[in-house]
Amino acid sequence: MTARRLGPRDDALWQALWDRARAEAPAAFASARETGAMAWRRDTARAFVWEEEGQPLATGLWCRDEDPGRPDRGWVEAVYVLPAARGRRIADRLLAALASDAAGSGMAELWLEVGRNNTAAQRAYARAGFGPAPEAAARRDEIALMRRLEPCAPAG
């Protein structure tokens, strides 16, 4: 069981997981900034997949804030756990990997937006240390959450 950073050869894997997420929960992924394989290929994004015995069970990414005034803020996006893998706290471990990587990349905090009615995801984010964002201006159907990060060694 491990989180693995996606690389250039993982376009098909990302696309397959993205397509499943969009098919299962189109409203949850409708506000994503980009679709398909290009989302994780941005220079500012780092995507991961959680695998067990070589099988992908979950995915997610974090990216740097686009506001040049916030170079130490990252955003968590596109977190998805396959239905058969839910209830096993895989999201917790994936979010921990994203946070560790973000901290190692110089981020001081991670932010995300989650649907107001998506209580399962809200619980997972709370377990991972996310709480209400103080200066949030989330959309009407979403809430903004954030987590402060502890500095750590640079990510590889």
Protein backbone atom coordinates (compact mmCIF):
# COMPACT_ATOMS: atom_id res chain seq x y z
CA MET A 1 0.00 0.00 0.00
CA THR A 2 1.56 3.24 -1.08
CA ALA A 3 1.03 6.63 -2.60
CA ARG A 4 2.95 7.03 -5.84
CA ARG A 5 3.49 10.28 -7.67
CA LEU A 6 2.19 10.14 -11.21
CA GLY A 7 4.71 10.54 -13.98
CA PRO A 8 4.72 11.16 -17.73
CA ARG A 9 3.68 7.59 -18.52
CA ASP A 10 0.56 7.77 -16.35
CA ASP A 11 -1.76 9.75 -18.63
CA ALA A 12 -4.00 6.73 -19.32
CA LEU A 13 -4.22 5.85 -15.62
CA TRP A 14 -5.12 9.42 -14.65
CA GLN A 15 -7.66 9.64 -17.47
CA ALA A 16 -9.33 6.37 -16.43
CA LEU A 17 -9.63 7.46 -12.79
CA TRP A 18 -10.80 10.94 -13.81
CA ASP A 19 -13.46 9.46 -16.10
CA ARG A 20 -14.74 7.21 -13.29
CA ALA A 21 -14.89 10.13 -10.86
CA ARG A 22 -16.77 12.32 -13.33
CA ALA A 23 -19.21 9.53 -14.20
CA GLU A 24 -19.94 8.74 -10.55
CA ALA A 25 -20.13 12.27 -9.18
CA PRO A 26 -20.34 14.84 -11.99
CA ALA A 27 -21.39 17.65 -9.66
CA ALA A 28 -18.43 17.05 -7.33
CA PHE A 29 -15.94 17.33 -10.16
CA ALA A 30 -17.73 19.91 -12.31
CA SER A 31 -15.84 22.85 -10.78
CA ALA A 32 -12.39 21.37 -11.41
CA ARG A 33 -10.29 23.86 -13.29
CA GLU A 34 -9.28 21.45 -16.01
CA THR A 35 -10.42 18.08 -17.24
CA GLY A 36 -8.75 14.85 -18.17
CA ALA A 37 -5.08 14.14 -18.27
CA MET A 38 -4.04 17.79 -18.49
CA ALA A 39 -5.08 18.65 -14.92
CA TRP A 40 -2.18 16.85 -13.32
CA ARG A 41 0.32 17.77 -16.02
CA ARG A 42 0.39 21.46 -15.10
CA ASP A 43 3.81 22.64 -13.96
CA THR A 44 2.26 23.63 -10.63
CA ALA A 45 0.48 20.32 -9.96
CA ARG A 46 1.67 17.12 -8.32
CA ALA A 47 -0.70 14.17 -8.65
CA PHE A 48 -0.61 10.89 -6.75
CA VAL A 49 -2.30 7.53 -6.95
CA TRP A 50 -2.84 5.19 -4.00
CA GLU A 51 -2.07 1.62 -5.02
CA GLU A 52 -2.34 -1.78 -3.39
CA GLU A 53 -0.72 -4.74 -5.14
CA GLY A 54 -0.33 -2.61 -8.25
CA GLN A 55 -4.02 -1.71 -8.41
CA PRO A 56 -5.03 1.97 -8.28
CA LEU A 57 -7.61 2.65 -5.58
CA ALA A 58 -7.56 6.43 -5.23
CA THR A 59 -6.08 9.55 -6.71
CA GLY A 60 -5.67 13.21 -5.89
CA LEU A 61 -3.44 16.16 -6.57
CA TRP A 62 -2.26 19.39 -5.05
CA CYS A 63 -1.17 22.48 -6.95
CA ARG A 64 0.32 25.85 -6.14
CA ASP A 65 -2.05 28.78 -5.71
CA GLU A 66 -2.28 30.88 -8.85
CA ASP A 67 -2.20 34.09 -6.79
CA PRO A 68 1.43 35.33 -6.85
CA GLY A 69 0.76 36.90 -3.46
CA ARG A 70 0.29 33.40 -1.98
CA PRO A 71 3.38 31.42 -3.01
CA ASP A 72 3.09 29.23 0.10
CA ARG A 73 -0.54 28.16 -0.43
CA GLY A 74 -1.49 24.99 -2.26
CA TRP A 75 -4.86 23.61 -3.31
CA VAL A 76 -6.02 20.01 -3.09
CA GLU A 77 -8.05 18.92 -6.11
CA ALA A 78 -9.53 15.85 -7.77
CA VAL A 79 -9.51 13.53 -4.74
CA TYR A 80 -11.31 10.34 -5.68
CA VAL A 81 -11.50 6.90 -4.03
CA LEU A 82 -12.92 3.99 -6.02
CA PRO A 83 -16.22 2.77 -4.51
CA ALA A 84 -14.83 -0.70 -3.70
CA ALA A 85 -12.01 0.89 -1.66
CA ARG A 86 -14.12 3.24 0.46
CA GLY A 87 -14.44 2.81 4.20
CA ARG A 88 -10.79 1.77 4.55
CA ARG A 89 -9.35 5.25 5.30
CA ILE A 90 -7.43 5.29 2.02
CA ALA A 91 -8.37 8.95 1.56
CA ASP A 92 -6.71 9.68 4.92
CA ARG A 93 -3.42 8.15 3.76
CA LEU A 94 -3.60 9.77 0.34
CA LEU A 95 -4.27 13.20 1.89
CA ALA A 96 -1.33 12.66 4.27
CA ALA A 97 0.91 11.95 1.26
CA LEU A 98 -0.34 15.08 -0.52
CA ALA A 99 0.26 17.19 2.61
CA SER A 100 3.75 15.78 3.12
CA ASP A 101 4.69 16.44 -0.48
CA ALA A 102 3.24 19.95 -0.36
CA ALA A 103 5.12 20.76 2.86
CA GLY A 104 8.32 19.43 1.34
CA SER A 105 7.71 21.73 -1.62
CA GLY A 106 7.53 24.80 0.61
CA MET A 107 3.78 25.08 1.12
CA ALA A 108 2.66 26.45 4.48
CA GLU A 109 -1.01 25.57 3.98
CA LEU A 110 -3.33 23.55 1.80
CA TRP A 111 -6.83 24.67 0.84
CA LEU A 112 -9.69 22.85 -0.85
CA GLU A 113 -13.35 23.24 -1.68
CA VAL A 114 -15.88 20.49 -1.02
CA GLY A 115 -19.59 20.22 -1.70
CA ARG A 116 -21.78 21.32 1.19
CA ASN A 117 -23.72 18.06 0.93
CA ASN A 118 -20.68 15.79 0.58
CA THR A 119 -20.48 14.83 4.24
CA ALA A 120 -18.36 11.73 3.65
CA ALA A 121 -15.62 13.83 2.02
CA GLN A 122 -15.95 16.49 4.72
CA ARG A 123 -15.35 13.84 7.39
CA ALA A 124 -12.27 12.56 5.54
CA TYR A 125 -10.88 16.08 5.23
CA ALA A 126 -11.52 16.74 8.94
CA ARG A 127 -9.65 13.55 9.87
CA ALA A 128 -6.77 14.80 7.69
CA GLY A 129 -6.58 18.05 9.66
CA PHE A 130 -8.62 20.37 7.43
CA GLY A 131 -10.92 22.91 9.05
CA PRO A 132 -12.93 25.96 7.99
CA ALA A 133 -10.87 28.43 5.99
CA PRO A 134 -10.75 31.82 7.74
CA GLU A 135 -10.92 34.07 4.68
CA ALA A 136 -12.99 31.79 2.47
CA ALA A 137 -15.14 32.99 -0.36
CA ALA A 138 -16.41 29.60 -1.54
CA ARG A 139 -19.23 29.13 -3.95
CA ARG A 140 -22.76 28.80 -2.60
CA ASP A 141 -22.77 25.00 -2.97
CA GLU A 142 -19.26 24.46 -1.56
CA ILE A 143 -17.34 25.17 1.59
CA ALA A 144 -13.66 26.06 1.76
CA LEU A 145 -11.38 24.17 4.13
CA MET A 146 -7.70 24.58 4.91
CA ARG A 147 -4.88 22.89 6.78
CA ARG A 148 -1.65 24.44 8.00
CA LEU A 149 1.46 22.44 7.22
CA GLU A 150 4.62 21.88 9.21
CA PRO A 151 7.85 22.59 7.31
CA CYS A 152 9.77 19.47 6.30
CA ALA A 153 12.57 18.36 4.03
CA PRO A 154 12.19 19.24 0.36
CA ALA A 155 10.20 16.77 -1.72
CA GLY A 156 12.02 14.86 -4.42
